[in-house]
PDB file of all heavy atoms in Angstrom:
ATOM      1  N   GLY A   1      -7.672   8.837  -7.287  1.00  0.00           N
ATOM      2  CA  GLY A   1      -8.896   9.578  -7.018  1.00  0.00           C
ATOM      3  C   GLY A   1     -10.047   8.669  -6.619  1.00  0.00           C
ATOM      4  O   GLY A   1     -10.778   8.953  -5.661  1.00  0.00           O
ATOM      5  N   PHE A   2     -10.221   7.570  -7.339  1.00  0.00           N
ATOM      6  CA  PHE A   2     -11.257   6.595  -6.971  1.00  0.00           C
ATOM      7  C   PHE A   2     -11.017   6.075  -5.550  1.00  0.00           C
ATOM      8  O   PHE A   2     -11.954   5.938  -4.755  1.00  0.00           O
ATOM      9  CB  PHE A   2     -11.244   5.422  -7.951  1.00  0.00           C
ATOM     10  CG  PHE A   2     -11.847   5.733  -9.289  1.00  0.00           C
ATOM     11  CD1 PHE A   2     -11.100   5.615 -10.457  1.00  0.00           C
ATOM     12  CD2 PHE A   2     -13.166   6.133  -9.401  1.00  0.00           C
ATOM     13  CE1 PHE A   2     -11.649   5.895 -11.689  1.00  0.00           C
ATOM     14  CE2 PHE A   2     -13.733   6.411 -10.638  1.00  0.00           C
ATOM     15  CZ  PHE A   2     -12.966   6.297 -11.788  1.00  0.00           C
ATOM     16  N   ALA A   3      -9.755   5.780  -5.233  1.00  0.00           N
ATOM     17  CA  ALA A   3      -9.431   5.229  -3.913  1.00  0.00           C
ATOM     18  C   ALA A   3      -9.693   6.242  -2.807  1.00  0.00           C
ATOM     19  O   ALA A   3     -10.205   5.891  -1.737  1.00  0.00           O
ATOM     20  CB  ALA A   3      -7.971   4.775  -3.886  1.00  0.00           C
ATOM     21  N   GLU A   4      -9.350   7.507  -3.040  1.00  0.00           N
ATOM     22  CA  GLU A   4      -9.553   8.530  -2.009  1.00  0.00           C
ATOM     23  C   GLU A   4     -11.034   8.727  -1.699  1.00  0.00           C
ATOM     24  O   GLU A   4     -11.420   8.871  -0.539  1.00  0.00           O
ATOM     25  CB  GLU A   4      -8.914   9.846  -2.452  1.00  0.00           C
ATOM     26  CG  GLU A   4      -7.403   9.838  -2.346  1.00  0.00           C
ATOM     27  CD  GLU A   4      -6.772  11.128  -2.817  1.00  0.00           C
ATOM     28  OE1 GLU A   4      -7.285  11.735  -3.777  1.00  0.00           O
ATOM     29  OE2 GLU A   4      -5.762  11.537  -2.225  1.00  0.00           O
ATOM     30  N   VAL A   5     -11.851   8.743  -2.743  1.00  0.00           N
ATOM     31  CA  VAL A   5     -13.287   8.882  -2.507  1.00  0.00           C
ATOM     32  C   VAL A   5     -13.819   7.674  -1.749  1.00  0.00           C
ATOM     33  O   VAL A   5     -14.624   7.810  -0.818  1.00  0.00           O
ATOM     34  CB  VAL A   5     -14.045   9.062  -3.837  1.00  0.00           C
ATOM     35  CG1 VAL A   5     -15.557   9.024  -3.607  1.00  0.00           C
ATOM     36  CG2 VAL A   5     -13.646  10.381  -4.503  1.00  0.00           C
ATOM     37  N   ALA A   6     -13.352   6.476  -2.118  1.00  0.00           N
ATOM     38  CA  ALA A   6     -13.798   5.267  -1.423  1.00  0.00           C
ATOM     39  C   ALA A   6     -13.398   5.295   0.050  1.00  0.00           C
ATOM     40  O   ALA A   6     -14.152   4.838   0.919  1.00  0.00           O
ATOM     41  CB  ALA A   6     -13.224   4.025  -2.103  1.00  0.00           C
ATOM     42  N   GLU A   7     -12.213   5.844   0.353  1.00  0.00           N
ATOM     43  CA  GLU A   7     -11.768   5.917   1.747  1.00  0.00           C
ATOM     44  C   GLU A   7     -12.703   6.790   2.576  1.00  0.00           C
ATOM     45  O   GLU A   7     -12.959   6.506   3.748  1.00  0.00           O
ATOM     46  CB  GLU A   7     -10.338   6.475   1.815  1.00  0.00           C
ATOM     47  CG  GLU A   7      -9.263   5.473   1.414  1.00  0.00           C
ATOM     48  CD  GLU A   7      -7.873   6.041   1.582  1.00  0.00           C
ATOM     49  OE1 GLU A   7      -7.631   6.720   2.610  1.00  0.00           O
ATOM     50  OE2 GLU A   7      -7.018   5.824   0.703  1.00  0.00           O
ATOM     51  N   THR A   8     -13.227   7.846   1.981  1.00  0.00           N
ATOM     52  CA  THR A   8     -14.146   8.718   2.728  1.00  0.00           C
ATOM     53  C   THR A   8     -15.462   8.012   3.031  1.00  0.00           C
ATOM     54  O   THR A   8     -16.185   8.416   3.931  1.00  0.00           O
ATOM     55  CB  THR A   8     -14.448  10.007   1.940  1.00  0.00           C
ATOM     56  OG1 THR A   8     -15.183   9.696   0.746  1.00  0.00           O
ATOM     57  CG2 THR A   8     -13.164  10.726   1.575  1.00  0.00           C
ATOM     58  N   ARG A   9     -15.756   6.961   2.295  1.00  0.00           N
ATOM     59  CA  ARG A   9     -16.994   6.202   2.501  1.00  0.00           C
ATOM     60  C   ARG A   9     -16.748   4.922   3.290  1.00  0.00           C
ATOM     61  O   ARG A   9     -17.588   4.024   3.322  1.00  0.00           O
ATOM     62  CB  ARG A   9     -17.616   5.875   1.150  1.00  0.00           C
ATOM     63  CG  ARG A   9     -17.998   7.112   0.355  1.00  0.00           C
ATOM     64  CD  ARG A   9     -18.331   6.780  -1.099  1.00  0.00           C
ATOM     65  NE  ARG A   9     -19.453   5.854  -1.193  1.00  0.00           N
ATOM     66  CZ  ARG A   9     -20.721   6.227  -1.216  1.00  0.00           C
ATOM     67  NH1 ARG A   9     -21.022   7.519  -1.124  1.00  0.00           N
ATOM     68  NH2 ARG A   9     -21.692   5.346  -1.325  1.00  0.00           N
ATOM     69  N   GLY A  10     -15.541   4.821   3.889  1.00  0.00           N
ATOM     70  CA  GLY A  10     -15.228   3.671   4.722  1.00  0.00           C
ATOM     71  C   GLY A  10     -14.686   2.480   3.979  1.00  0.00           C
ATOM     72  O   GLY A  10     -14.540   1.394   4.553  1.00  0.00           O
ATOM     73  N   GLY A  11     -14.338   2.652   2.716  1.00  0.00           N
ATOM     74  CA  GLY A  11     -13.794   1.536   1.942  1.00  0.00           C
ATOM     75  C   GLY A  11     -12.283   1.577   1.890  1.00  0.00           C
ATOM     76  O   GLY A  11     -11.665   2.638   2.004  1.00  0.00           O
ATOM     77  N   ASP A  12     -11.665   0.416   1.735  1.00  0.00           N
ATOM     78  CA  ASP A  12     -10.211   0.309   1.597  1.00  0.00           C
ATOM     79  C   ASP A  12      -9.905  -0.237   0.209  1.00  0.00           C
ATOM     80  O   ASP A  12      -9.562  -1.405   0.038  1.00  0.00           O
ATOM     81  CB  ASP A  12      -9.622  -0.614   2.667  1.00  0.00           C
ATOM     82  CG  ASP A  12      -9.562   0.032   4.036  1.00  0.00           C
ATOM     83  OD1 ASP A  12      -9.550   1.266   4.082  1.00  0.00           O
ATOM     84  OD2 ASP A  12      -9.544  -0.698   5.035  1.00  0.00           O
ATOM     85  N   THR A  13     -10.067   0.609  -0.799  1.00  0.00           N
ATOM     86  CA  THR A  13      -9.818   0.155  -2.157  1.00  0.00           C
ATOM     87  C   THR A  13      -8.420   0.533  -2.640  1.00  0.00           C
ATOM     88  O   THR A  13      -8.070   0.251  -3.777  1.00  0.00           O
ATOM     89  CB  THR A  13     -10.848   0.759  -3.127  1.00  0.00           C
ATOM     90  OG1 THR A  13     -10.690   2.184  -3.159  1.00  0.00           O
ATOM     91  CG2 THR A  13     -12.257   0.415  -2.692  1.00  0.00           C
ATOM     92  N   THR A  14      -7.637   1.174  -1.783  1.00  0.00           N
ATOM     93  CA  THR A  14      -6.304   1.593  -2.191  1.00  0.00           C
ATOM     94  C   THR A  14      -5.447   0.378  -2.511  1.00  0.00           C
ATOM     95  O   THR A  14      -5.401  -0.597  -1.768  1.00  0.00           O
ATOM     96  CB  THR A  14      -5.625   2.415  -1.089  1.00  0.00           C
ATOM     97  OG1 THR A  14      -6.362   3.612  -0.874  1.00  0.00           O
ATOM     98  CG2 THR A  14      -4.192   2.774  -1.487  1.00  0.00           C
ATOM     99  N   ARG A  15      -4.740   0.463  -3.624  1.00  0.00           N
ATOM    100  CA  ARG A  15      -3.770  -0.562  -4.012  1.00  0.00           C
ATOM    101  C   ARG A  15      -2.399   0.092  -3.983  1.00  0.00           C
ATOM    102  O   ARG A  15      -2.158   1.073  -4.683  1.00  0.00           O
ATOM    103  CB  ARG A  15      -4.077  -1.102  -5.401  1.00  0.00           C
ATOM    104  CG  ARG A  15      -3.066  -2.123  -5.925  1.00  0.00           C
ATOM    105  CD  ARG A  15      -3.574  -2.740  -7.228  1.00  0.00           C
ATOM    106  NE  ARG A  15      -2.599  -3.639  -7.813  1.00  0.00           N
ATOM    107  CZ  ARG A  15      -1.789  -3.307  -8.821  1.00  0.00           C
ATOM    108  NH1 ARG A  15      -1.862  -2.090  -9.348  1.00  0.00           N
ATOM    109  NH2 ARG A  15      -0.932  -4.174  -9.311  1.00  0.00           N
ATOM    110  N   ILE A  16      -1.523  -0.426  -3.159  1.00  0.00           N
ATOM    111  CA  ILE A  16      -0.184   0.129  -3.021  1.00  0.00           C
ATOM    112  C   ILE A  16       0.790  -0.816  -3.702  1.00  0.00           C
ATOM    113  O   ILE A  16       0.831  -2.008  -3.396  1.00  0.00           O
ATOM    114  CB  ILE A  16       0.190   0.298  -1.531  1.00  0.00           C
ATOM    115  CG1 ILE A  16      -0.826   1.199  -0.832  1.00  0.00           C
ATOM    116  CG2 ILE A  16       1.597   0.872  -1.402  1.00  0.00           C
ATOM    117  CD1 ILE A  16      -0.629   1.281   0.666  1.00  0.00           C
ATOM    118  N   VAL A  17       1.558  -0.278  -4.646  1.00  0.00           N
ATOM    119  CA  VAL A  17       2.517  -1.089  -5.394  1.00  0.00           C
ATOM    120  C   VAL A  17       3.922  -0.654  -4.999  1.00  0.00           C
ATOM    121  O   VAL A  17       4.283   0.517  -5.151  1.00  0.00           O
ATOM    122  CB  VAL A  17       2.319  -0.948  -6.910  1.00  0.00           C
ATOM    123  CG1 VAL A  17       3.244  -1.912  -7.652  1.00  0.00           C
ATOM    124  CG2 VAL A  17       0.864  -1.221  -7.286  1.00  0.00           C
ATOM    125  N   VAL A  18       4.698  -1.585  -4.483  1.00  0.00           N
ATOM    126  CA  VAL A  18       6.036  -1.296  -3.961  1.00  0.00           C
ATOM    127  C   VAL A  18       7.076  -1.996  -4.817  1.00  0.00           C
ATOM    128  O   VAL A  18       6.969  -3.203  -5.078  1.00  0.00           O
ATOM    129  CB  VAL A  18       6.178  -1.782  -2.504  1.00  0.00           C
ATOM    130  CG1 VAL A  18       7.515  -1.339  -1.931  1.00  0.00           C
ATOM    131  CG2 VAL A  18       5.023  -1.274  -1.663  1.00  0.00           C
ATOM    132  N   GLY A  19       8.067  -1.245  -5.259  1.00  0.00           N
ATOM    133  CA  GLY A  19       9.222  -1.837  -5.927  1.00  0.00           C
ATOM    134  C   GLY A  19      10.263  -2.189  -4.878  1.00  0.00           C
ATOM    135  O   GLY A  19      10.780  -1.321  -4.172  1.00  0.00           O
ATOM    136  N   SER A  20      10.567  -3.475  -4.767  1.00  0.00           N
ATOM    137  CA  SER A  20      11.389  -3.967  -3.664  1.00  0.00           C
ATOM    138  C   SER A  20      12.771  -4.373  -4.149  1.00  0.00           C
ATOM    139  O   SER A  20      12.909  -5.251  -5.002  1.00  0.00           O
ATOM    140  CB  SER A  20      10.687  -5.172  -3.019  1.00  0.00           C
ATOM    141  OG  SER A  20      11.563  -5.889  -2.190  1.00  0.00           O
ATOM    142  N   MET A  21      13.788  -3.724  -3.573  1.00  0.00           N
ATOM    143  CA  MET A  21      15.167  -4.146  -3.792  1.00  0.00           C
ATOM    144  C   MET A  21      15.601  -5.038  -2.628  1.00  0.00           C
ATOM    145  O   MET A  21      14.960  -5.031  -1.567  1.00  0.00           O
ATOM    146  CB  MET A  21      16.050  -2.914  -3.958  1.00  0.00           C
ATOM    147  CG  MET A  21      15.820  -2.223  -5.312  1.00  0.00           C
ATOM    148  SD  MET A  21      16.709  -0.655  -5.499  1.00  0.00           S
ATOM    149  CE  MET A  21      15.514   0.497  -4.821  1.00  0.00           C
ATOM    150  N   PRO A  22      16.649  -5.831  -2.812  1.00  0.00           N
ATOM    151  CA  PRO A  22      16.924  -6.933  -1.872  1.00  0.00           C
ATOM    152  C   PRO A  22      16.981  -6.548  -0.404  1.00  0.00           C
ATOM    153  O   PRO A  22      16.446  -7.263   0.448  1.00  0.00           O
ATOM    154  CB  PRO A  22      18.271  -7.471  -2.359  1.00  0.00           C
ATOM    155  CG  PRO A  22      18.284  -7.182  -3.814  1.00  0.00           C
ATOM    156  CD  PRO A  22      17.576  -5.857  -3.962  1.00  0.00           C
ATOM    157  N   LEU A  23      17.572  -5.414  -0.074  1.00  0.00           N
ATOM    158  CA  LEU A  23      17.784  -5.115   1.341  1.00  0.00           C
ATOM    159  C   LEU A  23      16.486  -4.941   2.110  1.00  0.00           C
ATOM    160  O   LEU A  23      16.416  -5.212   3.299  1.00  0.00           O
ATOM    161  CB  LEU A  23      18.637  -3.852   1.475  1.00  0.00           C
ATOM    162  CG  LEU A  23      18.966  -3.458   2.917  1.00  0.00           C
ATOM    163  CD1 LEU A  23      20.421  -3.037   3.030  1.00  0.00           C
ATOM    164  CD2 LEU A  23      18.066  -2.326   3.395  1.00  0.00           C
ATOM    165  N   SER A  24      15.422  -4.507   1.423  1.00  0.00           N
ATOM    166  CA  SER A  24      14.173  -4.198   2.121  1.00  0.00           C
ATOM    167  C   SER A  24      13.373  -5.434   2.500  1.00  0.00           C
ATOM    168  O   SER A  24      12.461  -5.355   3.329  1.00  0.00           O
ATOM    169  CB  SER A  24      13.303  -3.293   1.236  1.00  0.00           C
ATOM    170  OG  SER A  24      12.887  -3.989   0.074  1.00  0.00           O
ATOM    171  N   ARG A  25      13.680  -6.589   1.906  1.00  0.00           N
ATOM    172  CA  ARG A  25      12.789  -7.739   2.029  1.00  0.00           C
ATOM    173  C   ARG A  25      12.842  -8.459   3.369  1.00  0.00           C
ATOM    174  O   ARG A  25      11.803  -8.932   3.850  1.00  0.00           O
ATOM    175  CB  ARG A  25      13.074  -8.726   0.887  1.00  0.00           C
ATOM    176  CG  ARG A  25      12.792  -8.123  -0.482  1.00  0.00           C
ATOM    177  CD  ARG A  25      13.354  -8.955  -1.619  1.00  0.00           C
ATOM    178  NE  ARG A  25      13.420  -8.155  -2.852  1.00  0.00           N
ATOM    179  CZ  ARG A  25      14.190  -8.472  -3.880  1.00  0.00           C
ATOM    180  NH1 ARG A  25      14.956  -9.546  -3.840  1.00  0.00           N
ATOM    181  NH2 ARG A  25      14.192  -7.699  -4.949  1.00  0.00           N
ATOM    182  N   PRO A  26      13.990  -8.603   4.017  1.00  0.00           N
ATOM    183  CA  PRO A  26      13.987  -9.368   5.273  1.00  0.00           C
ATOM    184  C   PRO A  26      13.293  -8.667   6.437  1.00  0.00           C
ATOM    185  O   PRO A  26      12.688  -9.332   7.278  1.00  0.00           O
ATOM    186  CB  PRO A  26      15.483  -9.567   5.572  1.00  0.00           C
ATOM    187  CG  PRO A  26      16.194  -9.320   4.281  1.00  0.00           C
ATOM    188  CD  PRO A  26      15.367  -8.286   3.589  1.00  0.00           C
ATOM    189  N   PHE A  27      13.349  -7.322   6.522  1.00  0.00           N
ATOM    190  CA  PHE A  27      12.845  -6.643   7.722  1.00  0.00           C
ATOM    191  C   PHE A  27      11.933  -5.456   7.426  1.00  0.00           C
ATOM    192  O   PHE A  27      10.803  -5.394   7.916  1.00  0.00           O
ATOM    193  CB  PHE A  27      14.018  -6.189   8.594  1.00  0.00           C
ATOM    194  CG  PHE A  27      13.583  -5.422   9.813  1.00  0.00           C
ATOM    195  CD1 PHE A  27      13.053  -6.080  10.908  1.00  0.00           C
ATOM    196  CD2 PHE A  27      13.693  -4.036   9.858  1.00  0.00           C
ATOM    197  CE1 PHE A  27      12.625  -5.379  12.036  1.00  0.00           C
ATOM    198  CE2 PHE A  27      13.282  -3.322  10.979  1.00  0.00           C
ATOM    199  CZ  PHE A  27      12.747  -4.004  12.064  1.00  0.00           C
ATOM    200  N   ILE A  28      12.410  -4.482   6.637  1.00  0.00           N
ATOM    201  CA  ILE A  28      11.694  -3.215   6.502  1.00  0.00           C
ATOM    202  C   ILE A  28      10.307  -3.419   5.894  1.00  0.00           C
ATOM    203  O   ILE A  28       9.296  -2.987   6.454  1.00  0.00           O
ATOM    204  CB  ILE A  28      12.508  -2.220   5.656  1.00  0.00           C
ATOM    205  CG1 ILE A  28      13.849  -1.923   6.333  1.00  0.00           C
ATOM    206  CG2 ILE A  28      11.731  -0.926   5.460  1.00  0.00           C
ATOM    207  CD1 ILE A  28      14.771  -1.051   5.511  1.00  0.00           C
ATOM    208  N   LEU A  29      10.242  -4.085   4.745  1.00  0.00           N
ATOM    209  CA  LEU A  29       8.949  -4.277   4.095  1.00  0.00           C
ATOM    210  C   LEU A  29       7.998  -5.144   4.920  1.00  0.00           C
ATOM    211  O   LEU A  29       6.832  -4.775   5.116  1.00  0.00           O
ATOM    212  CB  LEU A  29       9.143  -4.882   2.704  1.00  0.00           C
ATOM    213  CG  LEU A  29       9.054  -3.920   1.518  1.00  0.00           C
ATOM    214  CD1 LEU A  29       9.188  -4.672   0.209  1.00  0.00           C
ATOM    215  CD2 LEU A  29       7.776  -3.120   1.545  1.00  0.00           C
ATOM    216  N   PRO A  30       8.439  -6.321   5.416  1.00  0.00           N
ATOM    217  CA  PRO A  30       7.511  -7.107   6.238  1.00  0.00           C
ATOM    218  C   PRO A  30       6.994  -6.351   7.453  1.00  0.00           C
ATOM    219  O   PRO A  30       5.820  -6.459   7.810  1.00  0.00           O
ATOM    220  CB  PRO A  30       8.351  -8.327   6.651  1.00  0.00           C
ATOM    221  CG  PRO A  30       9.410  -8.426   5.626  1.00  0.00           C
ATOM    222  CD  PRO A  30       9.716  -7.023   5.209  1.00  0.00           C
ATOM    223  N   THR A  31       7.863  -5.567   8.089  1.00  0.00           N
ATOM    224  CA  THR A  31       7.454  -4.820   9.275  1.00  0.00           C
ATOM    225  C   THR A  31       6.381  -3.789   8.923  1.00  0.00           C
ATOM    226  O   THR A  31       5.355  -3.663   9.612  1.00  0.00           O
ATOM    227  CB  THR A  31       8.674  -4.129   9.908  1.00  0.00           C
ATOM    228  OG1 THR A  31       9.640  -5.120  10.276  1.00  0.00           O
ATOM    229  CG2 THR A  31       8.270  -3.346  11.143  1.00  0.00           C
TER     230      THR A  31
END
């Protein structure tokens, strides 16, 4: 909720947390 309100005011406060399993690391996640 804090992040969404900040986005409407032009801020990028969103923190995205990704759980990474091995296959995603060489290509999908970096891309």
